[in-house]
Amino acid sequence: MSAAPTAACRRCGAAEPRTFTTPVVDCSGRLLVATSVICACGGTTLVGLRPVRAADGQGAQADAPGRLFPFAVY
């Protein structure tokens, strides 16, 4: 997924860095999704951190990633 055309890398000024999302667990065991902008030059910026919501609308806990994300979370 590509960032908005107006986004620019803070390090090199490239017009369209890539965005990635990664599941993370905070110290209280809540499952969150971190969104980062990563450029080809190696510059990275964390642009968002939001809670994962389960089907019932509640915040997901760290024991739920196997159901929410089909890949391994370390």
PDB file of N, CA and C in Angstrom:
ATOM      1  N   MET A   1       0.842  -1.158   0.000  1.00  0.00           N
ATOM      2  CA  MET A   1       0.000   0.000   0.000  1.00  0.00           C
ATOM      3  C   MET A   1       0.892   1.226   0.000  1.00  0.00           C
ATOM      4  N   SER A   2       0.584   2.180  -0.771  1.00  0.00           N
ATOM      5  CA  SER A   2       1.401   3.360  -0.925  1.00  0.00           C
ATOM      6  C   SER A   2       0.828   4.509  -0.105  1.00  0.00           C
ATOM      7  N   ALA A   3       1.690   5.363   0.371  1.00  0.00           N
ATOM      8  CA  ALA A   3       1.240   6.524   1.135  1.00  0.00           C
ATOM      9  C   ALA A   3       0.571   7.537   0.210  1.00  0.00           C
ATOM     10  N   ALA A   4      -0.038   8.536   0.808  1.00  0.00           N
ATOM     11  CA  ALA A   4      -0.679   9.587   0.019  1.00  0.00           C
ATOM     12  C   ALA A   4       0.370  10.299  -0.826  1.00  0.00           C
ATOM     13  N   PRO A   5       0.009  10.762  -2.032  1.00  0.00           N
ATOM     14  CA  PRO A   5       0.984  11.420  -2.902  1.00  0.00           C
ATOM     15  C   PRO A   5       1.635  12.640  -2.269  1.00  0.00           C
ATOM     16  N   THR A   6       0.983  13.268  -1.288  1.00  0.00           N
ATOM     17  CA  THR A   6       1.560  14.444  -0.652  1.00  0.00           C
ATOM     18  C   THR A   6       2.564  14.080   0.436  1.00  0.00           C
ATOM     19  N   ALA A   7       2.638  12.791   0.819  1.00  0.00           N
ATOM     20  CA  ALA A   7       3.594  12.372   1.843  1.00  0.00           C
ATOM     21  C   ALA A   7       5.004  12.422   1.272  1.00  0.00           C
ATOM     22  N   ALA A   8       5.962  12.729   2.127  1.00  0.00           N
ATOM     23  CA  ALA A   8       7.358  12.763   1.698  1.00  0.00           C
ATOM     24  C   ALA A   8       8.234  12.215   2.811  1.00  0.00           C
ATOM     25  N   CYS A   9       9.316  11.584   2.417  1.00  0.00           N
ATOM     26  CA  CYS A   9      10.279  11.049   3.374  1.00  0.00           C
ATOM     27  C   CYS A   9      10.958  12.216   4.089  1.00  0.00           C
ATOM     28  N   ARG A  10      11.102  12.107   5.396  1.00  0.00           N
ATOM     29  CA  ARG A  10      11.749  13.174   6.165  1.00  0.00           C
ATOM     30  C   ARG A  10      13.258  13.198   5.964  1.00  0.00           C
ATOM     31  N   ARG A  11      13.835  12.062   5.566  1.00  0.00           N
ATOM     32  CA  ARG A  11      15.288  11.985   5.409  1.00  0.00           C
ATOM     33  C   ARG A  11      15.740  12.441   4.024  1.00  0.00           C
ATOM     34  N   CYS A  12      15.146  11.861   2.953  1.00  0.00           N
ATOM     35  CA  CYS A  12      15.644  12.151   1.603  1.00  0.00           C
ATOM     36  C   CYS A  12      14.678  12.984   0.763  1.00  0.00           C
ATOM     37  N   GLY A  13      13.432  13.152   1.218  1.00  0.00           N
ATOM     38  CA  GLY A  13      12.469  13.953   0.473  1.00  0.00           C
ATOM     39  C   GLY A  13      11.746  13.218  -0.633  1.00  0.00           C
ATOM     40  N   ALA A  14      11.904  11.890  -0.723  1.00  0.00           N
ATOM     41  CA  ALA A  14      11.197  11.112  -1.750  1.00  0.00           C
ATOM     42  C   ALA A  14       9.700  11.370  -1.626  1.00  0.00           C
ATOM     43  N   ALA A  15       9.050  11.503  -2.775  1.00  0.00           N
ATOM     44  CA  ALA A  15       7.648  11.915  -2.792  1.00  0.00           C
ATOM     45  C   ALA A  15       6.672  10.850  -2.323  1.00  0.00           C
ATOM     46  N   GLU A  16       7.012   9.569  -2.413  1.00  0.00           N
ATOM     47  CA  GLU A  16       6.023   8.552  -2.084  1.00  0.00           C
ATOM     48  C   GLU A  16       6.632   7.362  -1.342  1.00  0.00           C
ATOM     49  N   PRO A  17       6.890   7.521  -0.033  1.00  0.00           N
ATOM     50  CA  PRO A  17       7.372   6.375   0.733  1.00  0.00           C
ATOM     51  C   PRO A  17       6.265   5.342   0.923  1.00  0.00           C
ATOM     52  N   ARG A  18       6.603   4.135   1.352  1.00  0.00           N
ATOM     53  CA  ARG A  18       5.622   3.055   1.533  1.00  0.00           C
ATOM     54  C   ARG A  18       5.155   3.006   2.980  1.00  0.00           C
ATOM     55  N   THR A  19       3.909   2.591   3.179  1.00  0.00           N
ATOM     56  CA  THR A  19       3.393   2.424   4.534  1.00  0.00           C
ATOM     57  C   THR A  19       3.216   0.943   4.834  1.00  0.00           C
ATOM     58  N   PHE A  20       3.465   0.580   6.077  1.00  0.00           N
ATOM     59  CA  PHE A  20       3.343  -0.801   6.527  1.00  0.00           C
ATOM     60  C   PHE A  20       2.631  -0.827   7.867  1.00  0.00           C
ATOM     61  N   THR A  21       1.875  -1.886   8.115  1.00  0.00           N
ATOM     62  CA  THR A  21       1.247  -2.080   9.415  1.00  0.00           C
ATOM     63  C   THR A  21       1.795  -3.353  10.043  1.00  0.00           C
ATOM     64  N   THR A  22       1.974  -3.306  11.354  1.00  0.00           N
ATOM     65  CA  THR A  22       2.547  -4.417  12.099  1.00  0.00           C
ATOM     66  C   THR A  22       1.799  -4.582  13.414  1.00  0.00           C
ATOM     67  N   PRO A  23       1.448  -5.809  13.782  1.00  0.00           N
ATOM     68  CA  PRO A  23       0.820  -6.010  15.091  1.00  0.00           C
ATOM     69  C   PRO A  23       1.866  -5.902  16.203  1.00  0.00           C
ATOM     70  N   VAL A  24       1.518  -5.221  17.286  1.00  0.00           N
ATOM     71  CA  VAL A  24       2.393  -5.102  18.454  1.00  0.00           C
ATOM     72  C   VAL A  24       1.559  -5.318  19.712  1.00  0.00           C
ATOM     73  N   VAL A  25       2.208  -5.698  20.792  1.00  0.00           N
ATOM     74  CA  VAL A  25       1.538  -5.892  22.080  1.00  0.00           C
ATOM     75  C   VAL A  25       2.146  -4.908  23.066  1.00  0.00           C
ATOM     76  N   ASP A  26       1.297  -4.128  23.755  1.00  0.00           N
ATOM     77  CA  ASP A  26       1.826  -3.190  24.741  1.00  0.00           C
ATOM     78  C   ASP A  26       2.062  -3.899  26.076  1.00  0.00           C
ATOM     79  N   CYS A  27       2.582  -3.174  27.069  1.00  0.00           N
ATOM     80  CA  CYS A  27       2.963  -3.799  28.340  1.00  0.00           C
ATOM     81  C   CYS A  27       1.771  -4.324  29.138  1.00  0.00           C
ATOM     82  N   SER A  28       0.550  -3.880  28.839  1.00  0.00           N
ATOM     83  CA  SER A  28      -0.625  -4.393  29.549  1.00  0.00           C
ATOM     84  C   SER A  28      -1.271  -5.566  28.814  1.00  0.00           C
ATOM     85  N   GLY A  29      -0.690  -5.992  27.689  1.00  0.00           N
ATOM     86  CA  GLY A  29      -1.200  -7.147  26.964  1.00  0.00           C
ATOM     87  C   GLY A  29      -2.213  -6.831  25.886  1.00  0.00           C
ATOM     88  N   ARG A  30      -2.468  -5.548  25.631  1.00  0.00           N
ATOM     89  CA  ARG A  30      -3.401  -5.183  24.559  1.00  0.00           C
ATOM     90  C   ARG A  30      -2.721  -5.319  23.206  1.00  0.00           C
ATOM     91  N   LEU A  31      -3.473  -5.813  22.233  1.00  0.00           N
ATOM     92  CA  LEU A  31      -2.974  -5.965  20.876  1.00  0.00           C
ATOM     93  C   LEU A  31      -3.235  -4.668  20.113  1.00  0.00           C
ATOM     94  N   LEU A  32      -2.190  -4.102  19.510  1.00  0.00           N
ATOM     95  CA  LEU A  32      -2.275  -2.842  18.774  1.00  0.00           C
ATOM     96  C   LEU A  32      -1.751  -3.043  17.360  1.00  0.00           C
ATOM     97  N   VAL A  33      -2.086  -2.105  16.468  1.00  0.00           N
ATOM     98  CA  VAL A  33      -1.544  -2.105  15.116  1.00  0.00           C
ATOM     99  C   VAL A  33      -0.731  -0.828  14.952  1.00  0.00           C
ATOM    100  N   ALA A  34       0.559  -0.988  14.651  1.00  0.00           N
ATOM    101  CA  ALA A  34       1.445   0.144  14.413  1.00  0.00           C
ATOM    102  C   ALA A  34       1.548   0.368  12.910  1.00  0.00           C
ATOM    103  N   THR A  35       1.408   1.622  12.486  1.00  0.00           N
ATOM    104  CA  THR A  35       1.553   1.978  11.079  1.00  0.00           C
ATOM    105  C   THR A  35       2.819   2.813  10.928  1.00  0.00           C
ATOM    106  N   SER A  36       3.710   2.393  10.034  1.00  0.00           N
ATOM    107  CA  SER A  36       4.977   3.078   9.806  1.00  0.00           C
ATOM    108  C   SER A  36       5.120   3.454   8.343  1.00  0.00           C
ATOM    109  N   VAL A  37       5.835   4.546   8.094  1.00  0.00           N
ATOM    110  CA  VAL A  37       6.203   4.949   6.740  1.00  0.00           C
ATOM    111  C   VAL A  37       7.672   4.585   6.578  1.00  0.00           C
ATOM    112  N   ILE A  38       7.978   3.807   5.540  1.00  0.00           N
ATOM    113  CA  ILE A  38       9.342   3.350   5.306  1.00  0.00           C
ATOM    114  C   ILE A  38       9.752   3.728   3.884  1.00  0.00           C
ATOM    115  N   CYS A  39      10.893   4.391   3.755  1.00  0.00           N
ATOM    116  CA  CYS A  39      11.391   4.844   2.453  1.00  0.00           C
ATOM    117  C   CYS A  39      12.528   3.932   1.988  1.00  0.00           C
ATOM    118  N   ALA A  40      12.813   3.957   0.707  1.00  0.00           N
ATOM    119  CA  ALA A  40      13.904   3.163   0.140  1.00  0.00           C
ATOM    120  C   ALA A  40      15.260   3.578   0.707  1.00  0.00           C
ATOM    121  N   CYS A  41      15.384   4.815   1.179  1.00  0.00           N
ATOM    122  CA  CYS A  41      16.655   5.280   1.743  1.00  0.00           C
ATOM    123  C   CYS A  41      16.887   4.727   3.145  1.00  0.00           C
ATOM    124  N   GLY A  42      15.866   4.086   3.728  1.00  0.00           N
ATOM    125  CA  GLY A  42      15.994   3.520   5.065  1.00  0.00           C
ATOM    126  C   GLY A  42      15.350   4.353   6.148  1.00  0.00           C
ATOM    127  N   GLY A  43      14.843   5.520   5.802  1.00  0.00           N
ATOM    128  CA  GLY A  43      14.173   6.361   6.785  1.00  0.00           C
ATOM    129  C   GLY A  43      12.827   5.775   7.180  1.00  0.00           C
ATOM    130  N   THR A  44      12.553   5.721   8.490  1.00  0.00           N
ATOM    131  CA  THR A  44      11.274   5.199   8.971  1.00  0.00           C
ATOM    132  C   THR A  44      10.657   6.172   9.961  1.00  0.00           C
ATOM    133  N   THR A  45       9.333   6.232   9.962  1.00  0.00           N
ATOM    134  CA  THR A  45       8.605   7.078  10.891  1.00  0.00           C
ATOM    135  C   THR A  45       7.356   6.348  11.338  1.00  0.00           C
ATOM    136  N   LEU A  46       7.127   6.270  12.637  1.00  0.00           N
ATOM    137  CA  LEU A  46       5.892   5.704  13.168  1.00  0.00           C
ATOM    138  C   LEU A  46       4.813   6.767  13.029  1.00  0.00           C
ATOM    139  N   VAL A  47       3.749   6.464  12.292  1.00  0.00           N
ATOM    140  CA  VAL A  47       2.711   7.463  12.042  1.00  0.00           C
ATOM    141  C   VAL A  47       1.399   7.167  12.744  1.00  0.00           C
ATOM    142  N   GLY A  48       1.251   5.983  13.300  1.00  0.00           N
ATOM    143  CA  GLY A  48       0.001   5.682  13.986  1.00  0.00           C
ATOM    144  C   GLY A  48       0.088   4.430  14.826  1.00  0.00           C
ATOM    145  N   LEU A  49      -0.694   4.413  15.892  1.00  0.00           N
ATOM    146  CA  LEU A  49      -0.785   3.262  16.772  1.00  0.00           C
ATOM    147  C   LEU A  49      -2.225   3.191  17.231  1.00  0.00           C
ATOM    148  N   ARG A  50      -2.928   2.123  16.826  1.00  0.00           N
ATOM    149  CA  ARG A  50      -4.348   2.027  17.168  1.00  0.00           C
ATOM    150  C   ARG A  50      -4.657   0.646  17.715  1.00  0.00           C
ATOM    151  N   PRO A  51      -5.675   0.558  18.576  1.00  0.00           N
ATOM    152  CA  PRO A  51      -6.049  -0.747  19.125  1.00  0.00           C
ATOM    153  C   PRO A  51      -6.740  -1.606  18.084  1.00  0.00           C
ATOM    154  N   VAL A  52      -6.535  -2.906  18.190  1.00  0.00           N
ATOM    155  CA  VAL A  52      -7.235  -3.862  17.335  1.00  0.00           C
ATOM    156  C   VAL A  52      -8.574  -4.142  17.989  1.00  0.00           C
ATOM    157  N   ARG A  53      -9.632  -4.147  17.215  1.00  0.00           N
ATOM    158  CA  ARG A  53     -10.964  -4.427  17.748  1.00  0.00           C
ATOM    159  C   ARG A  53     -11.383  -5.833  17.366  1.00  0.00           C
ATOM    160  N   ALA A  54     -11.885  -6.570  18.332  1.00  0.00           N
ATOM    161  CA  ALA A  54     -12.414  -7.908  18.082  1.00  0.00           C
ATOM    162  C   ALA A  54     -13.794  -7.773  17.443  1.00  0.00           C
ATOM    163  N   ALA A  55     -14.374  -8.877  17.015  1.00  0.00           N
ATOM    164  CA  ALA A  55     -15.678  -8.863  16.345  1.00  0.00           C
ATOM    165  C   ALA A  55     -16.767  -8.266  17.227  1.00  0.00           C
ATOM    166  N   ASP A  56     -16.638  -8.395  18.548  1.00  0.00           N
ATOM    167  CA  ASP A  56     -17.655  -7.855  19.454  1.00  0.00           C
ATOM    168  C   ASP A  56     -17.417  -6.385  19.789  1.00  0.00           C
ATOM    169  N   GLY A  57     -16.416  -5.766  19.173  1.00  0.00           N
ATOM    170  CA  GLY A  57     -16.147  -4.347  19.382  1.00  0.00           C
ATOM    171  C   GLY A  57     -15.219  -4.053  20.543  1.00  0.00           C
ATOM    172  N   GLN A  58     -14.843  -5.057  21.300  1.00  0.00           N
ATOM    173  CA  GLN A  58     -13.932  -4.877  22.430  1.00  0.00           C
ATOM    174  C   GLN A  58     -12.487  -4.886  21.940  1.00  0.00           C
ATOM    175  N   GLY A  59     -11.595  -4.327  22.734  1.00  0.00           N
ATOM    176  CA  GLY A  59     -10.181  -4.363  22.390  1.00  0.00           C
ATOM    177  C   GLY A  59      -9.649  -5.779  22.482  1.00  0.00           C
ATOM    178  N   ALA A  60      -8.828  -6.177  21.535  1.00  0.00           N
ATOM    179  CA  ALA A  60      -8.268  -7.529  21.517  1.00  0.00           C
ATOM    180  C   ALA A  60      -7.092  -7.617  22.478  1.00  0.00           C
ATOM    181  N   GLN A  61      -6.923  -8.763  23.094  1.00  0.00           N
ATOM    182  CA  GLN A  61      -5.806  -9.008  24.006  1.00  0.00           C
ATOM    183  C   GLN A  61      -4.703  -9.767  23.274  1.00  0.00           C
ATOM    184  N   ALA A  62      -3.554  -9.859  23.901  1.00  0.00           N
ATOM    185  CA  ALA A  62      -2.386 -10.476  23.267  1.00  0.00           C
ATOM    186  C   ALA A  62      -2.584 -11.943  22.934  1.00  0.00           C
ATOM    187  N   ASP A  63      -3.542 -12.615  23.557  1.00  0.00           N
ATOM    188  CA  ASP A  63      -3.758 -14.024  23.253  1.00  0.00           C
ATOM    189  C   ASP A  63      -4.576 -14.225  21.983  1.00  0.00           C
ATOM    190  N   ALA A  64      -5.007 -13.150  21.338  1.00  0.00           N
ATOM    191  CA  ALA A  64      -5.863 -13.239  20.158  1.00  0.00           C
ATOM    192  C   ALA A  64      -5.156 -13.106  18.814  1.00  0.00           C
ATOM    193  N   PRO A  65      -3.845 -12.855  18.712  1.00  0.00           N
ATOM    194  CA  PRO A  65      -3.270 -12.593  17.391  1.00  0.00           C
ATOM    195  C   PRO A  65      -3.388 -13.739  16.407  1.00  0.00           C
ATOM    196  N   GLY A  66      -3.417 -14.971  16.880  1.00  0.00           N
ATOM    197  CA  GLY A  66      -3.542 -16.109  15.968  1.00  0.00           C
ATOM    198  C   GLY A  66      -4.841 -16.082  15.188  1.00  0.00           C
ATOM    199  N   ARG A  67      -5.891 -15.552  15.799  1.00  0.00           N
ATOM    200  CA  ARG A  67      -7.177 -15.444  15.111  1.00  0.00           C
ATOM    201  C   ARG A  67      -7.238 -14.200  14.234  1.00  0.00           C
ATOM    202  N   LEU A  68      -6.597 -13.117  14.673  1.00  0.00           N
ATOM    203  CA  LEU A  68      -6.709 -11.843  13.962  1.00  0.00           C
ATOM    204  C   LEU A  68      -5.675 -11.682  12.852  1.00  0.00           C
ATOM    205  N   PHE A  69      -4.501 -12.296  13.033  1.00  0.00           N
ATOM    206  CA  PHE A  69      -3.430 -12.178  12.050  1.00  0.00           C
ATOM    207  C   PHE A  69      -2.995 -13.579  11.649  1.00  0.00           C
ATOM    208  N   PRO A  70      -3.056 -13.929  10.373  1.00  0.00           N
ATOM    209  CA  PRO A  70      -2.739 -15.291   9.937  1.00  0.00           C
ATOM    210  C   PRO A  70      -1.241 -15.584   9.844  1.00  0.00           C
ATOM    211  N   PHE A  71      -0.412 -14.768  10.440  1.00  0.00           N
ATOM    212  CA  PHE A  71       1.028 -14.988  10.395  1.00  0.00           C
ATOM    213  C   PHE A  71       1.574 -14.933  11.818  1.00  0.00           C
ATOM    214  N   ALA A  72       2.809 -15.348  11.992  1.00  0.00           N
ATOM    215  CA  ALA A  72       3.407 -15.397  13.323  1.00  0.00           C
ATOM    216  C   ALA A  72       3.709 -13.996  13.839  1.00  0.00           C
ATOM    217  N   VAL A  73       3.460 -13.775  15.113  1.00  0.00           N
ATOM    218  CA  VAL A  73       3.770 -12.512  15.778  1.00  0.00           C
ATOM    219  C   VAL A  73       4.807 -12.807  16.852  1.00  0.00           C
ATOM    220  N   TYR A  74       5.937 -12.117  16.812  1.00  0.00           N
ATOM    221  CA  TYR A  74       7.005 -12.351  17.784  1.00  0.00           C
ATOM    222  C   TYR A  74       7.131 -11.181  18.715  1.00  0.00           C
TER     223      TYR A  74
END
